[in-house]
């Protein structure tokens, strides 16, 4: 398991023991993280799993691919430099200890 802390839209912290191999979105939904609604169930057809990664993690994972980048333009919450869709980030030990922010809408 990989330990990730989500900062929910109200500023509260939600520590999650995330299962490697699942997406950040799947782990967030399974753990009841507020602000991740995942309306398209990870099919990259919405932006309801918008998260903001720490700069170092964003740099390690790389920028979003073209379709994800396009979908981020439709996010209800303001896009930031380190924005990603949680459905497109697979959990691995590289994310252990990460603090990921769910923007307020």
PDB file of N, CA and C in Angstrom:
ATOM      1  N   UNK A   1       0.834  -1.183   0.000  1.00  0.00           N
ATOM      2  CA  UNK A   1       0.000   0.000   0.000  1.00  0.00           C
ATOM      3  C   UNK A   1       0.883   1.251   0.000  1.00  0.00           C
ATOM      4  N   UNK A   2       0.327   2.276  -0.593  1.00  0.00           N
ATOM      5  CA  UNK A   2       1.009   3.559  -0.694  1.00  0.00           C
ATOM      6  C   UNK A   2       0.193   4.585   0.083  1.00  0.00           C
ATOM      7  N   UNK A   3       0.842   5.293   0.968  1.00  0.00           N
ATOM      8  CA  UNK A   3       0.142   6.280   1.797  1.00  0.00           C
ATOM      9  C   UNK A   3       0.110   7.620   1.066  1.00  0.00           C
ATOM     10  N   UNK A   4      -1.109   8.127   0.849  1.00  0.00           N
ATOM     11  CA  UNK A   4      -1.331   9.411   0.179  1.00  0.00           C
ATOM     12  C   UNK A   4      -2.267  10.225   1.061  1.00  0.00           C
ATOM     13  N   UNK A   5      -2.005  11.507   1.165  1.00  0.00           N
ATOM     14  CA  UNK A   5      -2.900  12.397   1.887  1.00  0.00           C
ATOM     15  C   UNK A   5      -3.571  13.328   0.885  1.00  0.00           C
ATOM     16  N   UNK A   6      -4.899  13.328   0.893  1.00  0.00           N
ATOM     17  CA  UNK A   6      -5.666  14.246   0.064  1.00  0.00           C
ATOM     18  C   UNK A   6      -6.071  15.428   0.926  1.00  0.00           C
ATOM     19  N   UNK A   7      -5.854  16.629   0.417  1.00  0.00           N
ATOM     20  CA  UNK A   7      -6.370  17.834   1.052  1.00  0.00           C
ATOM     21  C   UNK A   7      -7.703  18.107   0.360  1.00  0.00           C
ATOM     22  N   UNK A   8      -8.781  17.928   1.111  1.00  0.00           N
ATOM     23  CA  UNK A   8     -10.123  18.051   0.551  1.00  0.00           C
ATOM     24  C   UNK A   8     -10.479  19.533   0.364  1.00  0.00           C
ATOM     25  N   UNK A   9     -11.504  19.817  -0.432  1.00  0.00           N
ATOM     26  CA  UNK A   9     -11.850  21.213  -0.727  1.00  0.00           C
ATOM     27  C   UNK A   9     -12.059  22.098   0.501  1.00  0.00           C
ATOM     28  N   UNK A  10     -12.475  21.526   1.614  1.00  0.00           N
ATOM     29  CA  UNK A  10     -12.683  22.322   2.829  1.00  0.00           C
ATOM     30  C   UNK A  10     -11.399  22.510   3.640  1.00  0.00           C
ATOM     31  N   UNK A  11     -10.278  21.979   3.123  1.00  0.00           N
ATOM     32  CA  UNK A  11      -8.986  22.109   3.797  1.00  0.00           C
ATOM     33  C   UNK A  11      -8.642  20.965   4.723  1.00  0.00           C
ATOM     34  N   UNK A  12      -9.597  20.071   4.973  1.00  0.00           N
ATOM     35  CA  UNK A  12      -9.316  18.932   5.859  1.00  0.00           C
ATOM     36  C   UNK A  12      -8.455  17.900   5.137  1.00  0.00           C
ATOM     37  N   UNK A  13      -7.694  17.177   5.919  1.00  0.00           N
ATOM     38  CA  UNK A  13      -6.817  16.133   5.377  1.00  0.00           C
ATOM     39  C   UNK A  13      -7.508  14.785   5.441  1.00  0.00           C
ATOM     40  N   UNK A  14      -7.327  13.996   4.391  1.00  0.00           N
ATOM     41  CA  UNK A  14      -7.881  12.638   4.337  1.00  0.00           C
ATOM     42  C   UNK A  14      -6.726  11.692   3.980  1.00  0.00           C
ATOM     43  N   UNK A  15      -6.113  11.048   4.988  1.00  0.00           N
ATOM     44  CA  UNK A  15      -5.065  10.076   4.697  1.00  0.00           C
ATOM     45  C   UNK A  15      -5.679   8.811   4.103  1.00  0.00           C
ATOM     46  N   UNK A  16      -5.024   8.270   3.094  1.00  0.00           N
ATOM     47  CA  UNK A  16      -5.529   7.097   2.391  1.00  0.00           C
ATOM     48  C   UNK A  16      -4.400   6.094   2.236  1.00  0.00           C
ATOM     49  N   UNK A  17      -4.704   4.846   2.552  1.00  0.00           N
ATOM     50  CA  UNK A  17      -3.795   3.738   2.239  1.00  0.00           C
ATOM     51  C   UNK A  17      -4.205   3.277   0.846  1.00  0.00           C
ATOM     52  N   UNK A  18      -3.528   3.794  -0.153  1.00  0.00           N
ATOM     53  CA  UNK A  18      -3.910   3.571  -1.548  1.00  0.00           C
ATOM     54  C   UNK A  18      -3.365   2.251  -2.073  1.00  0.00           C
ATOM     55  N   UNK A  19      -4.180   1.611  -2.872  1.00  0.00           N
ATOM     56  CA  UNK A  19      -3.793   0.339  -3.471  1.00  0.00           C
ATOM     57  C   UNK A  19      -3.026   0.609  -4.766  1.00  0.00           C
ATOM     58  N   UNK A  20      -1.796   0.102  -4.822  1.00  0.00           N
ATOM     59  CA  UNK A  20      -0.986   0.239  -6.029  1.00  0.00           C
ATOM     60  C   UNK A  20      -1.669  -0.439  -7.211  1.00  0.00           C
ATOM     61  N   UNK A  21      -1.539   0.175  -8.374  1.00  0.00           N
ATOM     62  CA  UNK A  21      -2.136  -0.373  -9.590  1.00  0.00           C
ATOM     63  C   UNK A  21      -3.489   0.221  -9.914  1.00  0.00           C
ATOM     64  N   UNK A  22      -4.166   0.791  -8.902  1.00  0.00           N
ATOM     65  CA  UNK A  22      -5.413   1.506  -9.159  1.00  0.00           C
ATOM     66  C   UNK A  22      -5.072   2.974  -9.410  1.00  0.00           C
ATOM     67  N   UNK A  23      -6.009   3.708  -9.979  1.00  0.00           N
ATOM     68  CA  UNK A  23      -5.773   5.131 -10.207  1.00  0.00           C
ATOM     69  C   UNK A  23      -5.969   5.906  -8.906  1.00  0.00           C
ATOM     70  N   UNK A  24      -5.454   7.130  -8.899  1.00  0.00           N
ATOM     71  CA  UNK A  24      -5.718   8.014  -7.763  1.00  0.00           C
ATOM     72  C   UNK A  24      -7.211   8.185  -7.576  1.00  0.00           C
ATOM     73  N   UNK A  25      -7.956   8.313  -8.678  1.00  0.00           N
ATOM     74  CA  UNK A  25      -9.400   8.495  -8.618  1.00  0.00           C
ATOM     75  C   UNK A  25     -10.075   7.310  -7.952  1.00  0.00           C
ATOM     76  N   UNK A  26      -9.728   6.094  -8.363  1.00  0.00           N
ATOM     77  CA  UNK A  26     -10.343   4.902  -7.773  1.00  0.00           C
ATOM     78  C   UNK A  26     -10.074   4.835  -6.274  1.00  0.00           C
ATOM     79  N   UNK A  27      -8.837   5.113  -5.890  1.00  0.00           N
ATOM     80  CA  UNK A  27      -8.488   5.100  -4.472  1.00  0.00           C
ATOM     81  C   UNK A  27      -9.229   6.191  -3.713  1.00  0.00           C
ATOM     82  N   UNK A  28      -9.354   7.371  -4.304  1.00  0.00           N
ATOM     83  CA  UNK A  28     -10.058   8.476  -3.650  1.00  0.00           C
ATOM     84  C   UNK A  28     -11.533   8.139  -3.462  1.00  0.00           C
ATOM     85  N   UNK A  29     -12.172   7.633  -4.500  1.00  0.00           N
ATOM     86  CA  UNK A  29     -13.596   7.283  -4.408  1.00  0.00           C
ATOM     87  C   UNK A  29     -13.798   6.169  -3.388  1.00  0.00           C
ATOM     88  N   UNK A  30     -12.960   5.145  -3.437  1.00  0.00           N
ATOM     89  CA  UNK A  30     -13.072   4.027  -2.493  1.00  0.00           C
ATOM     90  C   UNK A  30     -12.868   4.460  -1.041  1.00  0.00           C
ATOM     91  N   UNK A  31     -12.162   5.580  -0.851  1.00  0.00           N
ATOM     92  CA  UNK A  31     -11.853   6.058   0.495  1.00  0.00           C
ATOM     93  C   UNK A  31     -12.734   7.227   0.926  1.00  0.00           C
ATOM     94  N   UNK A  32     -13.671   7.622   0.085  1.00  0.00           N
ATOM     95  CA  UNK A  32     -14.596   8.696   0.449  1.00  0.00           C
ATOM     96  C   UNK A  32     -13.988  10.084   0.464  1.00  0.00           C
ATOM     97  N   UNK A  33     -13.024  10.332  -0.408  1.00  0.00           N
ATOM     98  CA  UNK A  33     -12.433  11.668  -0.485  1.00  0.00           C
ATOM     99  C   UNK A  33     -13.474  12.631  -1.058  1.00  0.00           C
ATOM    100  N   UNK A  34     -13.706  13.715  -0.354  1.00  0.00           N
ATOM    101  CA  UNK A  34     -14.675  14.724  -0.776  1.00  0.00           C
ATOM    102  C   UNK A  34     -14.111  15.505  -1.963  1.00  0.00           C
ATOM    103  N   UNK A  35     -14.948  15.726  -2.968  1.00  0.00           N
ATOM    104  CA  UNK A  35     -14.555  16.537  -4.118  1.00  0.00           C
ATOM    105  C   UNK A  35     -14.149  15.734  -5.332  1.00  0.00           C
ATOM    106  N   UNK A  36     -14.020  14.431  -5.193  1.00  0.00           N
ATOM    107  CA  UNK A  36     -13.722  13.546  -6.331  1.00  0.00           C
ATOM    108  C   UNK A  36     -15.007  12.785  -6.624  1.00  0.00           C
ATOM    109  N   UNK A  37     -15.753  13.248  -7.629  1.00  0.00           N
ATOM    110  CA  UNK A  37     -17.028  12.595  -7.927  1.00  0.00           C
ATOM    111  C   UNK A  37     -16.924  11.559  -9.036  1.00  0.00           C
ATOM    112  N   UNK A  38     -15.946  11.697  -9.914  1.00  0.00           N
ATOM    113  CA  UNK A  38     -15.670  10.690 -10.946  1.00  0.00           C
ATOM    114  C   UNK A  38     -16.919  10.282 -11.727  1.00  0.00           C
ATOM    115  N   UNK A  39     -17.609  11.267 -12.255  1.00  0.00           N
ATOM    116  CA  UNK A  39     -18.862  11.009 -12.954  1.00  0.00           C
ATOM    117  C   UNK A  39     -18.717  10.075 -14.159  1.00  0.00           C
ATOM    118  N   UNK A  40     -17.560  10.069 -14.801  1.00  0.00           N
ATOM    119  CA  UNK A  40     -17.386   9.204 -15.979  1.00  0.00           C
ATOM    120  C   UNK A  40     -16.712   7.877 -15.626  1.00  0.00           C
ATOM    121  N   UNK A  41     -16.505   7.639 -14.341  1.00  0.00           N
ATOM    122  CA  UNK A  41     -15.881   6.396 -13.860  1.00  0.00           C
ATOM    123  C   UNK A  41     -14.500   6.133 -14.449  1.00  0.00           C
ATOM    124  N   UNK A  42     -13.783   7.196 -14.729  1.00  0.00           N
ATOM    125  CA  UNK A  42     -12.408   7.040 -15.206  1.00  0.00           C
ATOM    126  C   UNK A  42     -12.261   6.853 -16.693  1.00  0.00           C
ATOM    127  N   UNK A  43     -13.281   7.177 -17.467  1.00  0.00           N
ATOM    128  CA  UNK A  43     -13.194   6.989 -18.924  1.00  0.00           C
ATOM    129  C   UNK A  43     -12.662   8.226 -19.640  1.00  0.00           C
ATOM    130  N   UNK A  44     -12.171   9.193 -18.893  1.00  0.00           N
ATOM    131  CA  UNK A  44     -11.583  10.416 -19.436  1.00  0.00           C
ATOM    132  C   UNK A  44     -12.591  11.208 -20.268  1.00  0.00           C
ATOM    133  N   UNK A  45     -13.819  11.276 -19.737  1.00  0.00           N
ATOM    134  CA  UNK A  45     -14.886  11.992 -20.440  1.00  0.00           C
ATOM    135  C   UNK A  45     -15.425  13.153 -19.603  1.00  0.00           C
ATOM    136  N   UNK A  46     -14.790  13.451 -18.481  1.00  0.00           N
ATOM    137  CA  UNK A  46     -15.200  14.573 -17.645  1.00  0.00           C
ATOM    138  C   UNK A  46     -13.958  15.064 -16.913  1.00  0.00           C
ATOM    139  N   UNK A  47     -14.144  15.993 -16.034  1.00  0.00           N
ATOM    140  CA  UNK A  47     -13.011  16.497 -15.248  1.00  0.00           C
ATOM    141  C   UNK A  47     -13.379  16.559 -13.772  1.00  0.00           C
ATOM    142  N   UNK A  48     -14.240  15.635 -13.338  1.00  0.00           N
ATOM    143  CA  UNK A  48     -14.715  15.644 -11.957  1.00  0.00           C
ATOM    144  C   UNK A  48     -13.778  14.925 -10.987  1.00  0.00           C
ATOM    145  N   UNK A  49     -12.589  14.622 -11.458  1.00  0.00           N
ATOM    146  CA  UNK A  49     -11.563  14.052 -10.573  1.00  0.00           C
ATOM    147  C   UNK A  49     -10.302  14.911 -10.618  1.00  0.00           C
ATOM    148  N   UNK A  50     -10.484  16.196 -10.887  1.00  0.00           N
ATOM    149  CA  UNK A  50      -9.385  17.161 -10.973  1.00  0.00           C
ATOM    150  C   UNK A  50      -8.653  17.245  -9.629  1.00  0.00           C
ATOM    151  N   UNK A  51      -7.341  17.092  -9.679  1.00  0.00           N
ATOM    152  CA  UNK A  51      -6.497  17.252  -8.496  1.00  0.00           C
ATOM    153  C   UNK A  51      -5.289  18.106  -8.866  1.00  0.00           C
ATOM    154  N   UNK A  52      -4.647  18.632  -7.844  1.00  0.00           N
ATOM    155  CA  UNK A  52      -3.422  19.399  -8.039  1.00  0.00           C
ATOM    156  C   UNK A  52      -2.301  18.660  -7.316  1.00  0.00           C
ATOM    157  N   UNK A  53      -1.299  18.273  -8.072  1.00  0.00           N
ATOM    158  CA  UNK A  53      -0.164  17.523  -7.531  1.00  0.00           C
ATOM    159  C   UNK A  53       0.912  18.475  -7.029  1.00  0.00           C
ATOM    160  N   UNK A  54       1.736  18.020  -6.095  1.00  0.00           N
ATOM    161  CA  UNK A  54       2.906  18.818  -5.731  1.00  0.00           C
ATOM    162  C   UNK A  54       3.840  18.908  -6.951  1.00  0.00           C
ATOM    163  N   UNK A  55       4.554  20.002  -7.062  1.00  0.00           N
ATOM    164  CA  UNK A  55       5.399  20.244  -8.239  1.00  0.00           C
ATOM    165  C   UNK A  55       6.357  19.093  -8.512  1.00  0.00           C
ATOM    166  N   UNK A  56       7.018  18.573  -7.469  1.00  0.00           N
ATOM    167  CA  UNK A  56       8.001  17.510  -7.689  1.00  0.00           C
ATOM    168  C   UNK A  56       7.351  16.246  -8.245  1.00  0.00           C
ATOM    169  N   UNK A  57       6.152  15.925  -7.780  1.00  0.00           N
ATOM    170  CA  UNK A  57       5.450  14.746  -8.288  1.00  0.00           C
ATOM    171  C   UNK A  57       4.968  14.987  -9.714  1.00  0.00           C
ATOM    172  N   UNK A  58       4.450  16.175  -9.982  1.00  0.00           N
ATOM    173  CA  UNK A  58       4.027  16.522 -11.341  1.00  0.00           C
ATOM    174  C   UNK A  58       5.207  16.379 -12.303  1.00  0.00           C
ATOM    175  N   UNK A  59       6.364  16.882 -11.905  1.00  0.00           N
ATOM    176  CA  UNK A  59       7.558  16.791 -12.749  1.00  0.00           C
ATOM    177  C   UNK A  59       7.954  15.339 -12.989  1.00  0.00           C
ATOM    178  N   UNK A  60       7.839  14.516 -11.962  1.00  0.00           N
ATOM    179  CA  UNK A  60       8.208  13.098 -12.070  1.00  0.00           C
ATOM    180  C   UNK A  60       7.246  12.353 -13.014  1.00  0.00           C
ATOM    181  N   UNK A  61       5.947  12.638 -12.882  1.00  0.00           N
ATOM    182  CA  UNK A  61       4.942  11.941 -13.696  1.00  0.00           C
ATOM    183  C   UNK A  61       4.832  12.511 -15.101  1.00  0.00           C
ATOM    184  N   UNK A  62       5.138  13.774 -15.245  1.00  0.00           N
ATOM    185  CA  UNK A  62       5.039  14.419 -16.538  1.00  0.00           C
ATOM    186  C   UNK A  62       3.700  15.106 -16.735  1.00  0.00           C
ATOM    187  N   UNK A  63       3.670  15.946 -17.741  1.00  0.00           N
ATOM    188  CA  UNK A  63       2.463  16.704 -18.057  1.00  0.00           C
ATOM    189  C   UNK A  63       1.383  15.767 -18.597  1.00  0.00           C
ATOM    190  N   UNK A  64       0.134  16.207 -18.521  1.00  0.00           N
ATOM    191  CA  UNK A  64      -0.952  15.377 -19.047  1.00  0.00           C
ATOM    192  C   UNK A  64      -0.833  15.189 -20.556  1.00  0.00           C
ATOM    193  N   UNK A  65      -1.301  14.045 -21.013  1.00  0.00           N
ATOM    194  CA  UNK A  65      -1.352  13.791 -22.452  1.00  0.00           C
ATOM    195  C   UNK A  65      -2.427  14.688 -23.062  1.00  0.00           C
ATOM    196  N   UNK A  66      -2.485  14.749 -24.345  1.00  0.00           N
ATOM    197  CA  UNK A  66      -3.342  15.671 -25.085  1.00  0.00           C
ATOM    198  C   UNK A  66      -4.814  15.627 -24.673  1.00  0.00           C
ATOM    199  N   UNK A  67      -5.424  14.443 -24.620  1.00  0.00           N
ATOM    200  CA  UNK A  67      -6.855  14.354 -24.314  1.00  0.00           C
ATOM    201  C   UNK A  67      -7.121  14.770 -22.861  1.00  0.00           C
ATOM    202  N   UNK A  68      -6.250  14.348 -21.951  1.00  0.00           N
ATOM    203  CA  UNK A  68      -6.395  14.762 -20.560  1.00  0.00           C
ATOM    204  C   UNK A  68      -6.255  16.280 -20.449  1.00  0.00           C
ATOM    205  N   UNK A  69      -5.288  16.825 -21.155  1.00  0.00           N
ATOM    206  CA  UNK A  69      -5.075  18.264 -21.161  1.00  0.00           C
ATOM    207  C   UNK A  69      -6.332  19.000 -21.642  1.00  0.00           C
ATOM    208  N   UNK A  70      -6.952  18.488 -22.693  1.00  0.00           N
ATOM    209  CA  UNK A  70      -8.200  19.078 -23.202  1.00  0.00           C
ATOM    210  C   UNK A  70      -9.312  19.011 -22.159  1.00  0.00           C
ATOM    211  N   UNK A  71      -9.446  17.860 -21.475  1.00  0.00           N
ATOM    212  CA  UNK A  71     -10.506  17.701 -20.483  1.00  0.00           C
ATOM    213  C   UNK A  71     -10.305  18.631 -19.286  1.00  0.00           C
ATOM    214  N   UNK A  72      -9.066  18.904 -18.938  1.00  0.00           N
ATOM    215  CA  UNK A  72      -8.798  19.803 -17.820  1.00  0.00           C
ATOM    216  C   UNK A  72      -9.335  21.215 -18.081  1.00  0.00           C
ATOM    217  N   UNK A  73      -9.480  21.572 -19.335  1.00  0.00           N
ATOM    218  CA  UNK A  73     -10.041  22.879 -19.677  1.00  0.00           C
ATOM    219  C   UNK A  73     -11.512  22.971 -19.260  1.00  0.00           C
ATOM    220  N   UNK A  74     -12.167  21.823 -19.084  1.00  0.00           N
ATOM    221  CA  UNK A  74     -13.583  21.793 -18.711  1.00  0.00           C
ATOM    222  C   UNK A  74     -13.807  21.613 -17.209  1.00  0.00           C
ATOM    223  N   UNK A  75     -12.735  21.570 -16.443  1.00  0.00           N
ATOM    224  CA  UNK A  75     -12.861  21.378 -14.996  1.00  0.00           C
ATOM    225  C   UNK A  75     -13.646  22.540 -14.389  1.00  0.00           C
ATOM    226  N   UNK A  76     -14.542  22.209 -13.466  1.00  0.00           N
ATOM    227  CA  UNK A  76     -15.319  23.249 -12.780  1.00  0.00           C
ATOM    228  C   UNK A  76     -14.439  24.071 -11.853  1.00  0.00           C
ATOM    229  N   UNK A  77     -13.367  23.482 -11.386  1.00  0.00           N
ATOM    230  CA  UNK A  77     -12.437  24.182 -10.509  1.00  0.00           C
ATOM    231  C   UNK A  77     -11.289  24.719 -11.354  1.00  0.00           C
ATOM    232  N   UNK A  78     -10.692  25.792 -10.899  1.00  0.00           N
ATOM    233  CA  UNK A  78      -9.664  26.453 -11.691  1.00  0.00           C
ATOM    234  C   UNK A  78      -8.432  25.567 -11.895  1.00  0.00           C
ATOM    235  N   UNK A  79      -8.058  25.443 -13.138  1.00  0.00           N
ATOM    236  CA  UNK A  79      -6.874  24.667 -13.491  1.00  0.00           C
ATOM    237  C   UNK A  79      -5.618  25.372 -12.989  1.00  0.00           C
ATOM    238  N   UNK A  80      -4.660  24.570 -12.519  1.00  0.00           N
ATOM    239  CA  UNK A  80      -3.400  25.099 -12.013  1.00  0.00           C
ATOM    240  C   UNK A  80      -2.257  24.489 -12.828  1.00  0.00           C
ATOM    241  N   UNK A  81      -1.054  24.981 -12.603  1.00  0.00           N
ATOM    242  CA  UNK A  81       0.103  24.482 -13.355  1.00  0.00           C
ATOM    243  C   UNK A  81       0.328  22.989 -13.158  1.00  0.00           C
ATOM    244  N   UNK A  82       0.010  22.470 -11.991  1.00  0.00           N
ATOM    245  CA  UNK A  82       0.252  21.053 -11.687  1.00  0.00           C
ATOM    246  C   UNK A  82      -1.040  20.244 -11.656  1.00  0.00           C
ATOM    247  N   UNK A  83      -2.059  20.695 -12.376  1.00  0.00           N
ATOM    248  CA  UNK A  83      -3.334  19.973 -12.417  1.00  0.00           C
ATOM    249  C   UNK A  83      -3.211  18.692 -13.223  1.00  0.00           C
ATOM    250  N   UNK A  84      -3.891  17.670 -12.728  1.00  0.00           N
ATOM    251  CA  UNK A  84      -4.032  16.397 -13.447  1.00  0.00           C
ATOM    252  C   UNK A  84      -5.419  15.863 -13.150  1.00  0.00           C
ATOM    253  N   UNK A  85      -5.855  14.918 -13.964  1.00  0.00           N
ATOM    254  CA  UNK A  85      -7.072  14.176 -13.660  1.00  0.00           C
ATOM    255  C   UNK A  85      -6.649  12.930 -12.905  1.00  0.00           C
ATOM    256  N   UNK A  86      -7.250  12.710 -11.746  1.00  0.00           N
ATOM    257  CA  UNK A  86      -6.855  11.597 -10.886  1.00  0.00           C
ATOM    258  C   UNK A  86      -7.063  10.246 -11.555  1.00  0.00           C
ATOM    259  N   UNK A  87      -7.969  10.173 -12.515  1.00  0.00           N
ATOM    260  CA  UNK A  87      -8.205   8.906 -13.207  1.00  0.00           C
ATOM    261  C   UNK A  87      -7.032   8.524 -14.108  1.00  0.00           C
ATOM    262  N   UNK A  88      -6.168   9.470 -14.397  1.00  0.00           N
ATOM    263  CA  UNK A  88      -5.051   9.222 -15.307  1.00  0.00           C
ATOM    264  C   UNK A  88      -3.716   9.025 -14.595  1.00  0.00           C
ATOM    265  N   UNK A  89      -3.756   9.020 -13.271  1.00  0.00           N
ATOM    266  CA  UNK A  89      -2.530   8.832 -12.486  1.00  0.00           C
ATOM    267  C   UNK A  89      -2.639   7.509 -11.748  1.00  0.00           C
ATOM    268  N   UNK A  90      -1.777   6.576 -12.122  1.00  0.00           N
ATOM    269  CA  UNK A  90      -1.780   5.260 -11.489  1.00  0.00           C
ATOM    270  C   UNK A  90      -0.945   5.307 -10.213  1.00  0.00           C
ATOM    271  N   UNK A  91      -1.489   4.745  -9.150  1.00  0.00           N
ATOM    272  CA  UNK A  91      -0.784   4.724  -7.869  1.00  0.00           C
ATOM    273  C   UNK A  91       0.332   3.684  -7.925  1.00  0.00           C
ATOM    274  N   UNK A  92       1.489   4.117  -7.464  1.00  0.00           N
ATOM    275  CA  UNK A  92       2.661   3.249  -7.362  1.00  0.00           C
ATOM    276  C   UNK A  92       3.444   3.699  -6.134  1.00  0.00           C
ATOM    277  N   UNK A  93       4.440   2.935  -5.719  1.00  0.00           N
ATOM    278  CA  UNK A  93       5.241   3.351  -4.563  1.00  0.00           C
ATOM    279  C   UNK A  93       5.880   4.730  -4.739  1.00  0.00           C
ATOM    280  N   UNK A  94       6.029   5.210  -5.985  1.00  0.00           N
ATOM    281  CA  UNK A  94       6.573   6.551  -6.227  1.00  0.00           C
ATOM    282  C   UNK A  94       5.712   7.642  -5.596  1.00  0.00           C
ATOM    283  N   UNK A  95       4.440   7.348  -5.341  1.00  0.00           N
ATOM    284  CA  UNK A  95       3.524   8.336  -4.777  1.00  0.00           C
ATOM    285  C   UNK A  95       3.468   8.287  -3.250  1.00  0.00           C
ATOM    286  N   UNK A  96       4.204   7.361  -2.636  1.00  0.00           N
ATOM    287  CA  UNK A  96       4.146   7.206  -1.186  1.00  0.00           C
ATOM    288  C   UNK A  96       4.531   8.517  -0.498  1.00  0.00           C
ATOM    289  N   UNK A  97       3.640   8.973   0.394  1.00  0.00           N
ATOM    290  CA  UNK A  97       3.872  10.199   1.139  1.00  0.00           C
ATOM    291  C   UNK A  97       3.373  11.460   0.440  1.00  0.00           C
ATOM    292  N   UNK A  98       2.837  11.325  -0.763  1.00  0.00           N
ATOM    293  CA  UNK A  98       2.371  12.496  -1.518  1.00  0.00           C
ATOM    294  C   UNK A  98       1.187  13.167  -0.827  1.00  0.00           C
ATOM    295  N   UNK A  99       1.140  14.473  -0.960  1.00  0.00           N
ATOM    296  CA  UNK A  99       0.012  15.267  -0.488  1.00  0.00           C
ATOM    297  C   UNK A  99      -0.617  15.880  -1.732  1.00  0.00           C
ATOM    298  N   UNK A 100      -1.853  15.502  -1.994  1.00  0.00           N
ATOM    299  CA  UNK A 100      -2.542  15.894  -3.225  1.00  0.00           C
ATOM    300  C   UNK A 100      -3.755  16.716  -2.871  1.00  0.00           C
ATOM    301  N   UNK A 101      -3.898  17.860  -3.527  1.00  0.00           N
ATOM    302  CA  UNK A 101      -4.986  18.776  -3.209  1.00  0.00           C
ATOM    303  C   UNK A 101      -6.146  18.608  -4.181  1.00  0.00           C
ATOM    304  N   UNK A 102      -7.349  18.544  -3.618  1.00  0.00           N
ATOM    305  CA  UNK A 102      -8.576  18.542  -4.400  1.00  0.00           C
ATOM    306  C   UNK A 102      -9.080  19.986  -4.366  1.00  0.00           C
ATOM    307  N   UNK A 103      -9.068  20.683  -5.512  1.00  0.00           N
ATOM    308  CA  UNK A 103      -9.448  22.094  -5.491  1.00  0.00           C
ATOM    309  C   UNK A 103     -10.907  22.318  -5.133  1.00  0.00           C
ATOM    310  N   UNK A 104     -11.167  23.440  -4.494  1.00  0.00           N
ATOM    311  CA  UNK A 104     -12.531  23.808  -4.141  1.00  0.00           C
ATOM    312  C   UNK A 104     -13.266  24.305  -5.377  1.00  0.00           C
ATOM    313  N   UNK A 105     -14.529  23.926  -5.507  1.00  0.00           N
ATOM    314  CA  UNK A 105     -15.312  24.296  -6.681  1.00  0.00           C
ATOM    315  C   UNK A 105     -16.226  25.431  -6.476  1.00  0.00           C
TER     316      UNK A 105
END
